[in-house]
Amino acid sequence: FTVSRDDAKKTSYLHMNDLKPEDTAVYYCNYITIW
């Protein structure tokens, strides 16, 4: 997994490669106290 970002777009990206069944989940982003 690798994180990247685009500050102008206020966007964070989570790049996930070679995914495994154990990666199955609900994924959340977080900013301090905000979900």
PDB file of all heavy atoms in Angstrom:
ATOM      1  N   PHE A   1       0.842  -1.198   0.000  1.00  0.00           N
ATOM      2  CA  PHE A   1       0.000   0.000   0.000  1.00  0.00           C
ATOM      3  C   PHE A   1       0.874   1.244   0.000  1.00  0.00           C
ATOM      4  O   PHE A   1       1.942   1.271   0.633  1.00  0.00           O
ATOM      5  CB  PHE A   1      -0.898   0.042   1.238  1.00  0.00           C
ATOM      6  CG  PHE A   1      -1.998  -0.988   1.269  1.00  0.00           C
ATOM      7  CD1 PHE A   1      -2.023  -2.059   0.390  1.00  0.00           C
ATOM      8  CD2 PHE A   1      -3.018  -0.869   2.207  1.00  0.00           C
ATOM      9  CE1 PHE A   1      -3.038  -2.996   0.438  1.00  0.00           C
ATOM     10  CE2 PHE A   1      -4.036  -1.802   2.256  1.00  0.00           C
ATOM     11  CZ  PHE A   1      -4.053  -2.861   1.381  1.00  0.00           C
ATOM     12  N   THR A   2       0.413   2.282  -0.673  1.00  0.00           N
ATOM     13  CA  THR A   2       1.123   3.548  -0.725  1.00  0.00           C
ATOM     14  C   THR A   2       0.127   4.696  -0.649  1.00  0.00           C
ATOM     15  O   THR A   2      -0.910   4.657  -1.310  1.00  0.00           O
ATOM     16  CB  THR A   2       1.948   3.684  -2.017  1.00  0.00           C
ATOM     17  OG1 THR A   2       2.871   2.595  -2.118  1.00  0.00           O
ATOM     18  CG2 THR A   2       2.726   5.000  -2.020  1.00  0.00           C
ATOM     19  N   VAL A   3       0.458   5.704   0.148  1.00  0.00           N
ATOM     20  CA  VAL A   3      -0.365   6.901   0.255  1.00  0.00           C
ATOM     21  C   VAL A   3       0.245   8.010  -0.595  1.00  0.00           C
ATOM     22  O   VAL A   3       1.464   8.215  -0.579  1.00  0.00           O
ATOM     23  CB  VAL A   3      -0.492   7.369   1.714  1.00  0.00           C
ATOM     24  CG1 VAL A   3      -1.192   8.721   1.792  1.00  0.00           C
ATOM     25  CG2 VAL A   3      -1.238   6.341   2.537  1.00  0.00           C
ATOM     26  N   SER A   4      -0.597   8.711  -1.333  1.00  0.00           N
ATOM     27  CA  SER A   4      -0.191   9.914  -2.032  1.00  0.00           C
ATOM     28  C   SER A   4      -1.252  10.981  -1.797  1.00  0.00           C
ATOM     29  O   SER A   4      -2.306  10.697  -1.218  1.00  0.00           O
ATOM     30  CB  SER A   4       0.016   9.665  -3.532  1.00  0.00           C
ATOM     31  OG  SER A   4      -1.208   9.359  -4.170  1.00  0.00           O
ATOM     32  N   ARG A   5      -0.980  12.197  -2.242  1.00  0.00           N
ATOM     33  CA  ARG A   5      -1.943  13.265  -2.018  1.00  0.00           C
ATOM     34  C   ARG A   5      -1.856  14.320  -3.103  1.00  0.00           C
ATOM     35  O   ARG A   5      -0.836  14.456  -3.782  1.00  0.00           O
ATOM     36  CB  ARG A   5      -1.734  13.917  -0.647  1.00  0.00           C
ATOM     37  CG  ARG A   5      -0.465  14.747  -0.529  1.00  0.00           C
ATOM     38  CD  ARG A   5      -0.279  15.258   0.892  1.00  0.00           C
ATOM     39  NE  ARG A   5       0.760  16.274   0.971  1.00  0.00           N
ATOM     40  CZ  ARG A   5       2.041  16.005   1.131  1.00  0.00           C
ATOM     41  NH1 ARG A   5       2.466  14.750   1.230  1.00  0.00           N
ATOM     42  NH2 ARG A   5       2.915  17.005   1.197  1.00  0.00           N
ATOM     43  N   ASP A   6      -2.951  15.057  -3.236  1.00  0.00           N
ATOM     44  CA  ASP A   6      -3.035  16.200  -4.127  1.00  0.00           C
ATOM     45  C   ASP A   6      -3.577  17.342  -3.285  1.00  0.00           C
ATOM     46  O   ASP A   6      -4.777  17.400  -3.011  1.00  0.00           O
ATOM     47  CB  ASP A   6      -3.935  15.905  -5.323  1.00  0.00           C
ATOM     48  CG  ASP A   6      -3.922  17.009  -6.356  1.00  0.00           C
ATOM     49  OD1 ASP A   6      -3.775  18.188  -5.991  1.00  0.00           O
ATOM     50  OD2 ASP A   6      -4.066  16.691  -7.555  1.00  0.00           O
ATOM     51  N   ASP A   7      -2.693  18.228  -2.861  1.00  0.00           N
ATOM     52  CA  ASP A   7      -3.094  19.294  -1.944  1.00  0.00           C
ATOM     53  C   ASP A   7      -4.110  20.241  -2.583  1.00  0.00           C
ATOM     54  O   ASP A   7      -5.035  20.702  -1.915  1.00  0.00           O
ATOM     55  CB  ASP A   7      -1.867  20.082  -1.488  1.00  0.00           C
ATOM     56  CG  ASP A   7      -0.937  19.268  -0.609  1.00  0.00           C
ATOM     57  OD1 ASP A   7      -1.385  18.263  -0.030  1.00  0.00           O
ATOM     58  OD2 ASP A   7       0.243  19.650  -0.496  1.00  0.00           O
ATOM     59  N   ALA A   8      -3.929  20.538  -3.864  1.00  0.00           N
ATOM     60  CA  ALA A   8      -4.847  21.446  -4.539  1.00  0.00           C
ATOM     61  C   ALA A   8      -6.260  20.887  -4.588  1.00  0.00           C
ATOM     62  O   ALA A   8      -7.238  21.637  -4.500  1.00  0.00           O
ATOM     63  CB  ALA A   8      -4.346  21.760  -5.944  1.00  0.00           C
ATOM     64  N   LYS A   9      -6.380  19.582  -4.753  1.00  0.00           N
ATOM     65  CA  LYS A   9      -7.686  18.931  -4.791  1.00  0.00           C
ATOM     66  C   LYS A   9      -8.176  18.511  -3.413  1.00  0.00           C
ATOM     67  O   LYS A   9      -9.276  17.964  -3.295  1.00  0.00           O
ATOM     68  CB  LYS A   9      -7.645  17.713  -5.713  1.00  0.00           C
ATOM     69  CG  LYS A   9      -7.312  18.031  -7.159  1.00  0.00           C
ATOM     70  CD  LYS A   9      -7.321  16.763  -8.007  1.00  0.00           C
ATOM     71  CE  LYS A   9      -6.931  17.069  -9.442  1.00  0.00           C
ATOM     72  NZ  LYS A   9      -7.930  17.962 -10.092  1.00  0.00           N
ATOM     73  N   LYS A  10      -7.371  18.746  -2.386  1.00  0.00           N
ATOM     74  CA  LYS A  10      -7.695  18.341  -1.012  1.00  0.00           C
ATOM     75  C   LYS A  10      -8.039  16.861  -0.951  1.00  0.00           C
ATOM     76  O   LYS A  10      -9.019  16.452  -0.315  1.00  0.00           O
ATOM     77  CB  LYS A  10      -8.851  19.183  -0.460  1.00  0.00           C
ATOM     78  CG  LYS A  10      -8.570  20.676  -0.397  1.00  0.00           C
ATOM     79  CD  LYS A  10      -9.768  21.438   0.153  1.00  0.00           C
ATOM     80  CE  LYS A  10      -9.511  22.924   0.189  1.00  0.00           C
ATOM     81  NZ  LYS A  10     -10.697  23.666   0.696  1.00  0.00           N
ATOM     82  N   THR A  11      -7.232  16.064  -1.608  1.00  0.00           N
ATOM     83  CA  THR A  11      -7.521  14.645  -1.757  1.00  0.00           C
ATOM     84  C   THR A  11      -6.330  13.792  -1.344  1.00  0.00           C
ATOM     85  O   THR A  11      -5.185  14.086  -1.701  1.00  0.00           O
ATOM     86  CB  THR A  11      -7.908  14.315  -3.206  1.00  0.00           C
ATOM     87  OG1 THR A  11      -9.086  15.048  -3.560  1.00  0.00           O
ATOM     88  CG2 THR A  11      -8.176  12.831  -3.371  1.00  0.00           C
ATOM     89  N   SER A  12      -6.617  12.746  -0.593  1.00  0.00           N
ATOM     90  CA  SER A  12      -5.648  11.718  -0.247  1.00  0.00           C
ATOM     91  C   SER A  12      -6.002  10.447  -1.005  1.00  0.00           C
ATOM     92  O   SER A  12      -7.182  10.119  -1.168  1.00  0.00           O
ATOM     93  CB  SER A  12      -5.660  11.457   1.261  1.00  0.00           C
ATOM     94  OG  SER A  12      -4.833  10.358   1.595  1.00  0.00           O
ATOM     95  N   TYR A  13      -4.975   9.733  -1.448  1.00  0.00           N
ATOM     96  CA  TYR A  13      -5.159   8.497  -2.191  1.00  0.00           C
ATOM     97  C   TYR A  13      -4.467   7.356  -1.465  1.00  0.00           C
ATOM     98  O   TYR A  13      -3.346   7.499  -0.985  1.00  0.00           O
ATOM     99  CB  TYR A  13      -4.574   8.596  -3.596  1.00  0.00           C
ATOM    100  CG  TYR A  13      -5.139   9.717  -4.426  1.00  0.00           C
ATOM    101  CD1 TYR A  13      -4.513  10.953  -4.470  1.00  0.00           C
ATOM    102  CD2 TYR A  13      -6.299   9.544  -5.172  1.00  0.00           C
ATOM    103  CE1 TYR A  13      -5.024  11.988  -5.231  1.00  0.00           C
ATOM    104  CE2 TYR A  13      -6.821  10.573  -5.936  1.00  0.00           C
ATOM    105  CZ  TYR A  13      -6.181  11.791  -5.969  1.00  0.00           C
ATOM    106  OH  TYR A  13      -6.687  12.813  -6.729  1.00  0.00           O
ATOM    107  N   LEU A  14      -5.136   6.229  -1.401  1.00  0.00           N
ATOM    108  CA  LEU A  14      -4.547   5.008  -0.885  1.00  0.00           C
ATOM    109  C   LEU A  14      -4.458   4.016  -2.035  1.00  0.00           C
ATOM    110  O   LEU A  14      -5.474   3.494  -2.497  1.00  0.00           O
ATOM    111  CB  LEU A  14      -5.378   4.431   0.264  1.00  0.00           C
ATOM    112  CG  LEU A  14      -4.829   3.154   0.903  1.00  0.00           C
ATOM    113  CD1 LEU A  14      -3.502   3.437   1.608  1.00  0.00           C
ATOM    114  CD2 LEU A  14      -5.842   2.561   1.879  1.00  0.00           C
ATOM    115  N   HIS A  15      -3.241   3.782  -2.495  1.00  0.00           N
ATOM    116  CA  HIS A  15      -2.993   2.847  -3.587  1.00  0.00           C
ATOM    117  C   HIS A  15      -2.724   1.475  -2.988  1.00  0.00           C
ATOM    118  O   HIS A  15      -1.786   1.311  -2.207  1.00  0.00           O
ATOM    119  CB  HIS A  15      -1.800   3.301  -4.422  1.00  0.00           C
ATOM    120  CG  HIS A  15      -1.891   4.709  -4.898  1.00  0.00           C
ATOM    121  ND1 HIS A  15      -2.562   5.063  -6.047  1.00  0.00           N
ATOM    122  CD2 HIS A  15      -1.404   5.866  -4.367  1.00  0.00           C
ATOM    123  CE1 HIS A  15      -2.487   6.372  -6.211  1.00  0.00           C
ATOM    124  NE2 HIS A  15      -1.793   6.881  -5.215  1.00  0.00           N
ATOM    125  N   MET A  16      -3.526   0.503  -3.361  1.00  0.00           N
ATOM    126  CA  MET A  16      -3.452  -0.832  -2.798  1.00  0.00           C
ATOM    127  C   MET A  16      -3.123  -1.822  -3.905  1.00  0.00           C
ATOM    128  O   MET A  16      -3.880  -1.954  -4.870  1.00  0.00           O
ATOM    129  CB  MET A  16      -4.768  -1.210  -2.118  1.00  0.00           C
ATOM    130  CG  MET A  16      -5.219  -0.205  -1.059  1.00  0.00           C
ATOM    131  SD  MET A  16      -6.721  -0.732  -0.189  1.00  0.00           S
ATOM    132  CE  MET A  16      -7.896  -0.682  -1.548  1.00  0.00           C
ATOM    133  N   ASN A  17      -2.001  -2.501  -3.754  1.00  0.00           N
ATOM    134  CA  ASN A  17      -1.544  -3.493  -4.720  1.00  0.00           C
ATOM    135  C   ASN A  17      -1.447  -4.868  -4.069  1.00  0.00           C
ATOM    136  O   ASN A  17      -1.337  -4.981  -2.845  1.00  0.00           O
ATOM    137  CB  ASN A  17      -0.184  -3.102  -5.292  1.00  0.00           C
ATOM    138  CG  ASN A  17      -0.203  -1.777  -6.017  1.00  0.00           C
ATOM    139  OD1 ASN A  17      -1.046  -1.544  -6.882  1.00  0.00           O
ATOM    140  ND2 ASN A  17       0.740  -0.900  -5.679  1.00  0.00           N
ATOM    141  N   ASP A  18      -1.455  -5.887  -4.901  1.00  0.00           N
ATOM    142  CA  ASP A  18      -1.332  -7.267  -4.421  1.00  0.00           C
ATOM    143  C   ASP A  18      -2.303  -7.530  -3.275  1.00  0.00           C
ATOM    144  O   ASP A  18      -1.923  -8.016  -2.206  1.00  0.00           O
ATOM    145  CB  ASP A  18       0.108  -7.549  -3.989  1.00  0.00           C
ATOM    146  CG  ASP A  18       0.367  -9.024  -3.749  1.00  0.00           C
ATOM    147  OD1 ASP A  18      -0.354  -9.866  -4.305  1.00  0.00           O
ATOM    148  OD2 ASP A  18       1.318  -9.338  -2.995  1.00  0.00           O
ATOM    149  N   LEU A  19      -3.555  -7.222  -3.505  1.00  0.00           N
ATOM    150  CA  LEU A  19      -4.560  -7.344  -2.458  1.00  0.00           C
ATOM    151  C   LEU A  19      -4.783  -8.798  -2.061  1.00  0.00           C
ATOM    152  O   LEU A  19      -4.722  -9.705  -2.896  1.00  0.00           O
ATOM    153  CB  LEU A  19      -5.871  -6.711  -2.910  1.00  0.00           C
ATOM    154  CG  LEU A  19      -5.870  -5.180  -2.845  1.00  0.00           C
ATOM    155  CD1 LEU A  19      -6.974  -4.611  -3.710  1.00  0.00           C
ATOM    156  CD2 LEU A  19      -6.022  -4.718  -1.398  1.00  0.00           C
ATOM    157  N   LYS A  20      -5.043  -8.988  -0.785  1.00  0.00           N
ATOM    158  CA  LYS A  20      -5.263 -10.299  -0.207  1.00  0.00           C
ATOM    159  C   LYS A  20      -6.634 -10.346   0.457  1.00  0.00           C
ATOM    160  O   LYS A  20      -7.177  -9.305   0.834  1.00  0.00           O
ATOM    161  CB  LYS A  20      -4.178 -10.606   0.826  1.00  0.00           C
ATOM    162  CG  LYS A  20      -2.756 -10.475   0.293  1.00  0.00           C
ATOM    163  CD  LYS A  20      -1.733 -10.722   1.381  1.00  0.00           C
ATOM    164  CE  LYS A  20      -0.323 -10.510   0.868  1.00  0.00           C
ATOM    165  NZ  LYS A  20       0.005 -11.442  -0.245  1.00  0.00           N
ATOM    166  N   PRO A  21      -7.207 -11.534   0.624  1.00  0.00           N
ATOM    167  CA  PRO A  21      -8.505 -11.623   1.304  1.00  0.00           C
ATOM    168  C   PRO A  21      -8.509 -10.975   2.685  1.00  0.00           C
ATOM    169  O   PRO A  21      -9.538 -10.442   3.110  1.00  0.00           O
ATOM    170  CB  PRO A  21      -8.743 -13.135   1.393  1.00  0.00           C
ATOM    171  CG  PRO A  21      -8.015 -13.693   0.228  1.00  0.00           C
ATOM    172  CD  PRO A  21      -6.782 -12.839   0.089  1.00  0.00           C
ATOM    173  N   GLU A  22      -7.381 -10.998   3.367  1.00  0.00           N
ATOM    174  CA  GLU A  22      -7.275 -10.376   4.681  1.00  0.00           C
ATOM    175  C   GLU A  22      -7.423  -8.858   4.633  1.00  0.00           C
ATOM    176  O   GLU A  22      -7.610  -8.229   5.680  1.00  0.00           O
ATOM    177  CB  GLU A  22      -5.929 -10.724   5.340  1.00  0.00           C
ATOM    178  CG  GLU A  22      -5.612 -12.209   5.356  1.00  0.00           C
ATOM    179  CD  GLU A  22      -4.825 -12.638   4.127  1.00  0.00           C
ATOM    180  OE1 GLU A  22      -3.579 -12.543   4.146  1.00  0.00           O
ATOM    181  OE2 GLU A  22      -5.459 -13.076   3.146  1.00  0.00           O
ATOM    182  N   ASP A  23      -7.334  -8.270   3.457  1.00  0.00           N
ATOM    183  CA  ASP A  23      -7.522  -6.835   3.305  1.00  0.00           C
ATOM    184  C   ASP A  23      -8.995  -6.444   3.225  1.00  0.00           C
ATOM    185  O   ASP A  23      -9.311  -5.249   3.209  1.00  0.00           O
ATOM    186  CB  ASP A  23      -6.808  -6.325   2.051  1.00  0.00           C
ATOM    187  CG  ASP A  23      -5.301  -6.517   2.116  1.00  0.00           C
ATOM    188  OD1 ASP A  23      -4.712  -6.265   3.194  1.00  0.00           O
ATOM    189  OD2 ASP A  23      -4.719  -6.916   1.090  1.00  0.00           O
ATOM    190  N   THR A  24      -9.878  -7.413   3.153  1.00  0.00           N
ATOM    191  CA  THR A  24     -11.306  -7.125   3.078  1.00  0.00           C
ATOM    192  C   THR A  24     -11.756  -6.379   4.328  1.00  0.00           C
ATOM    193  O   THR A  24     -11.561  -6.846   5.452  1.00  0.00           O
ATOM    194  CB  THR A  24     -12.108  -8.420   2.918  1.00  0.00           C
ATOM    195  OG1 THR A  24     -11.791  -9.022   1.663  1.00  0.00           O
ATOM    196  CG2 THR A  24     -13.605  -8.144   2.976  1.00  0.00           C
ATOM    197  N   ALA A  25     -12.358  -5.215   4.133  1.00  0.00           N
ATOM    198  CA  ALA A  25     -12.777  -4.372   5.245  1.00  0.00           C
ATOM    199  C   ALA A  25     -13.472  -3.137   4.690  1.00  0.00           C
ATOM    200  O   ALA A  25     -13.453  -2.884   3.480  1.00  0.00           O
ATOM    201  CB  ALA A  25     -11.573  -3.948   6.098  1.00  0.00           C
ATOM    202  N   VAL A  26     -14.071  -2.374   5.592  1.00  0.00           N
ATOM    203  CA  VAL A  26     -14.511  -1.032   5.259  1.00  0.00           C
ATOM    204  C   VAL A  26     -13.350  -0.095   5.537  1.00  0.00           C
ATOM    205  O   VAL A  26     -12.787  -0.106   6.636  1.00  0.00           O
ATOM    206  CB  VAL A  26     -15.747  -0.612   6.066  1.00  0.00           C
ATOM    207  CG1 VAL A  26     -16.142   0.825   5.737  1.00  0.00           C
ATOM    208  CG2 VAL A  26     -16.912  -1.552   5.778  1.00  0.00           C
ATOM    209  N   TYR A  27     -12.996   0.695   4.555  1.00  0.00           N
ATOM    210  CA  TYR A  27     -11.881   1.617   4.676  1.00  0.00           C
ATOM    211  C   TYR A  27     -12.395   3.029   4.911  1.00  0.00           C
ATOM    212  O   TYR A  27     -13.318   3.492   4.236  1.00  0.00           O
ATOM    213  CB  TYR A  27     -11.006   1.575   3.416  1.00  0.00           C
ATOM    214  CG  TYR A  27     -10.134   0.346   3.355  1.00  0.00           C
ATOM    215  CD1 TYR A  27     -10.685  -0.907   3.109  1.00  0.00           C
ATOM    216  CD2 TYR A  27      -8.754   0.432   3.564  1.00  0.00           C
ATOM    217  CE1 TYR A  27      -9.890  -2.039   3.080  1.00  0.00           C
ATOM    218  CE2 TYR A  27      -7.958  -0.698   3.527  1.00  0.00           C
ATOM    219  CZ  TYR A  27      -8.529  -1.929   3.284  1.00  0.00           C
ATOM    220  OH  TYR A  27      -7.742  -3.051   3.251  1.00  0.00           O
ATOM    221  N   TYR A  28     -11.786   3.706   5.875  1.00  0.00           N
ATOM    222  CA  TYR A  28     -12.189   5.047   6.269  1.00  0.00           C
ATOM    223  C   TYR A  28     -11.007   5.997   6.160  1.00  0.00           C
ATOM    224  O   TYR A  28      -9.878   5.628   6.481  1.00  0.00           O
ATOM    225  CB  TYR A  28     -12.669   5.080   7.720  1.00  0.00           C
ATOM    226  CG  TYR A  28     -13.847   4.199   8.039  1.00  0.00           C
ATOM    227  CD1 TYR A  28     -13.672   2.873   8.401  1.00  0.00           C
ATOM    228  CD2 TYR A  28     -15.140   4.710   7.996  1.00  0.00           C
ATOM    229  CE1 TYR A  28     -14.748   2.064   8.709  1.00  0.00           C
ATOM    230  CE2 TYR A  28     -16.226   3.910   8.309  1.00  0.00           C
ATOM    231  CZ  TYR A  28     -16.020   2.585   8.664  1.00  0.00           C
ATOM    232  OH  TYR A  28     -17.099   1.796   8.977  1.00  0.00           O
ATOM    233  N   CYS A  29     -11.271   7.218   5.757  1.00  0.00           N
ATOM    234  CA  CYS A  29     -10.259   8.252   5.909  1.00  0.00           C
ATOM    235  C   CYS A  29     -10.586   9.094   7.133  1.00  0.00           C
ATOM    236  O   CYS A  29     -11.730   9.146   7.592  1.00  0.00           O
ATOM    237  CB  CYS A  29     -10.123   9.114   4.655  1.00  0.00           C
ATOM    238  SG  CYS A  29     -11.555  10.106   4.211  1.00  0.00           S
ATOM    239  N   ASN A  30      -9.559   9.726   7.663  1.00  0.00           N
ATOM    240  CA  ASN A  30      -9.671  10.458   8.915  1.00  0.00           C
ATOM    241  C   ASN A  30      -8.876  11.742   8.832  1.00  0.00           C
ATOM    242  O   ASN A  30      -7.793  11.782   8.254  1.00  0.00           O
ATOM    243  CB  ASN A  30      -9.155   9.594  10.074  1.00  0.00           C
ATOM    244  CG  ASN A  30      -8.917  10.395  11.338  1.00  0.00           C
ATOM    245  OD1 ASN A  30      -7.817  10.912  11.565  1.00  0.00           O
ATOM    246  ND2 ASN A  30      -9.931  10.497  12.173  1.00  0.00           N
ATOM    247  N   TYR A  31      -9.438  12.791   9.415  1.00  0.00           N
ATOM    248  CA  TYR A  31      -8.735  14.054   9.568  1.00  0.00           C
ATOM    249  C   TYR A  31      -8.963  14.539  10.992  1.00  0.00           C
ATOM    250  O   TYR A  31     -10.005  15.102  11.306  1.00  0.00           O
ATOM    251  CB  TYR A  31      -9.223  15.091   8.552  1.00  0.00           C
ATOM    252  CG  TYR A  31      -8.487  16.409   8.627  1.00  0.00           C
ATOM    253  CD1 TYR A  31      -7.196  16.538   8.115  1.00  0.00           C
ATOM    254  CD2 TYR A  31      -9.071  17.524   9.209  1.00  0.00           C
ATOM    255  CE1 TYR A  31      -6.512  17.741   8.187  1.00  0.00           C
ATOM    256  CE2 TYR A  31      -8.392  18.728   9.284  1.00  0.00           C
ATOM    257  CZ  TYR A  31      -7.117  18.840   8.772  1.00  0.00           C
ATOM    258  OH  TYR A  31      -6.441  20.033   8.827  1.00  0.00           O
ATOM    259  N   ILE A  32      -8.008  14.262  11.845  1.00  0.00           N
ATOM    260  CA  ILE A  32      -8.052  14.626  13.263  1.00  0.00           C
ATOM    261  C   ILE A  32      -9.283  13.988  13.915  1.00  0.00           C
ATOM    262  O   ILE A  32      -9.258  12.805  14.264  1.00  0.00           O
ATOM    263  CB  ILE A  32      -8.004  16.148  13.448  1.00  0.00           C
ATOM    264  CG1 ILE A  32      -6.826  16.747  12.653  1.00  0.00           C
ATOM    265  CG2 ILE A  32      -7.818  16.487  14.939  1.00  0.00           C
ATOM    266  CD1 ILE A  32      -6.717  18.250  12.745  1.00  0.00           C
ATOM    267  N   THR A  33     -10.370  14.752  14.090  1.00  0.00           N
ATOM    268  CA  THR A  33     -11.573  14.218  14.722  1.00  0.00           C
ATOM    269  C   THR A  33     -12.679  13.907  13.722  1.00  0.00           C
ATOM    270  O   THR A  33     -13.772  13.505  14.121  1.00  0.00           O
ATOM    271  CB  THR A  33     -12.123  15.191  15.769  1.00  0.00           C
ATOM    272  OG1 THR A  33     -12.509  16.417  15.136  1.00  0.00           O
ATOM    273  CG2 THR A  33     -11.079  15.483  16.843  1.00  0.00           C
ATOM    274  N   ILE A  34     -12.416  14.075  12.444  1.00  0.00           N
ATOM    275  CA  ILE A  34     -13.424  13.902  11.412  1.00  0.00           C
ATOM    276  C   ILE A  34     -13.209  12.578  10.687  1.00  0.00           C
ATOM    277  O   ILE A  34     -12.084  12.220  10.335  1.00  0.00           O
ATOM    278  CB  ILE A  34     -13.388  15.064  10.399  1.00  0.00           C
ATOM    279  CG1 ILE A  34     -13.480  16.407  11.135  1.00  0.00           C
ATOM    280  CG2 ILE A  34     -14.510  14.934   9.381  1.00  0.00           C
ATOM    281  CD1 ILE A  34     -14.745  16.594  11.925  1.00  0.00           C
ATOM    282  N   TRP A  35     -14.309  11.860  10.452  1.00  0.00           N
ATOM    283  CA  TRP A  35     -14.269  10.580   9.762  1.00  0.00           C
ATOM    284  C   TRP A  35     -15.131  10.623   8.509  1.00  0.00           C
ATOM    285  O   TRP A  35     -16.187  11.254   8.483  1.00  0.00           O
ATOM    286  CB  TRP A  35     -14.784   9.455  10.658  1.00  0.00           C
ATOM    287  CG  TRP A  35     -13.897   9.176  11.829  1.00  0.00           C
ATOM    288  CD1 TRP A  35     -13.948   9.759  13.060  1.00  0.00           C
ATOM    289  CD2 TRP A  35     -12.820   8.235  11.870  1.00  0.00           C
ATOM    290  NE1 TRP A  35     -12.957   9.234  13.866  1.00  0.00           N
ATOM    291  CE2 TRP A  35     -12.258   8.302  13.162  1.00  0.00           C
ATOM    292  CE3 TRP A  35     -12.278   7.348  10.940  1.00  0.00           C
ATOM    293  CZ2 TRP A  35     -11.183   7.515  13.549  1.00  0.00           C
ATOM    294  CZ3 TRP A  35     -11.211   6.563  11.324  1.00  0.00           C
ATOM    295  CH2 TRP A  35     -10.674   6.641  12.616  1.00  0.00           C
TER     296      TRP A  35
END
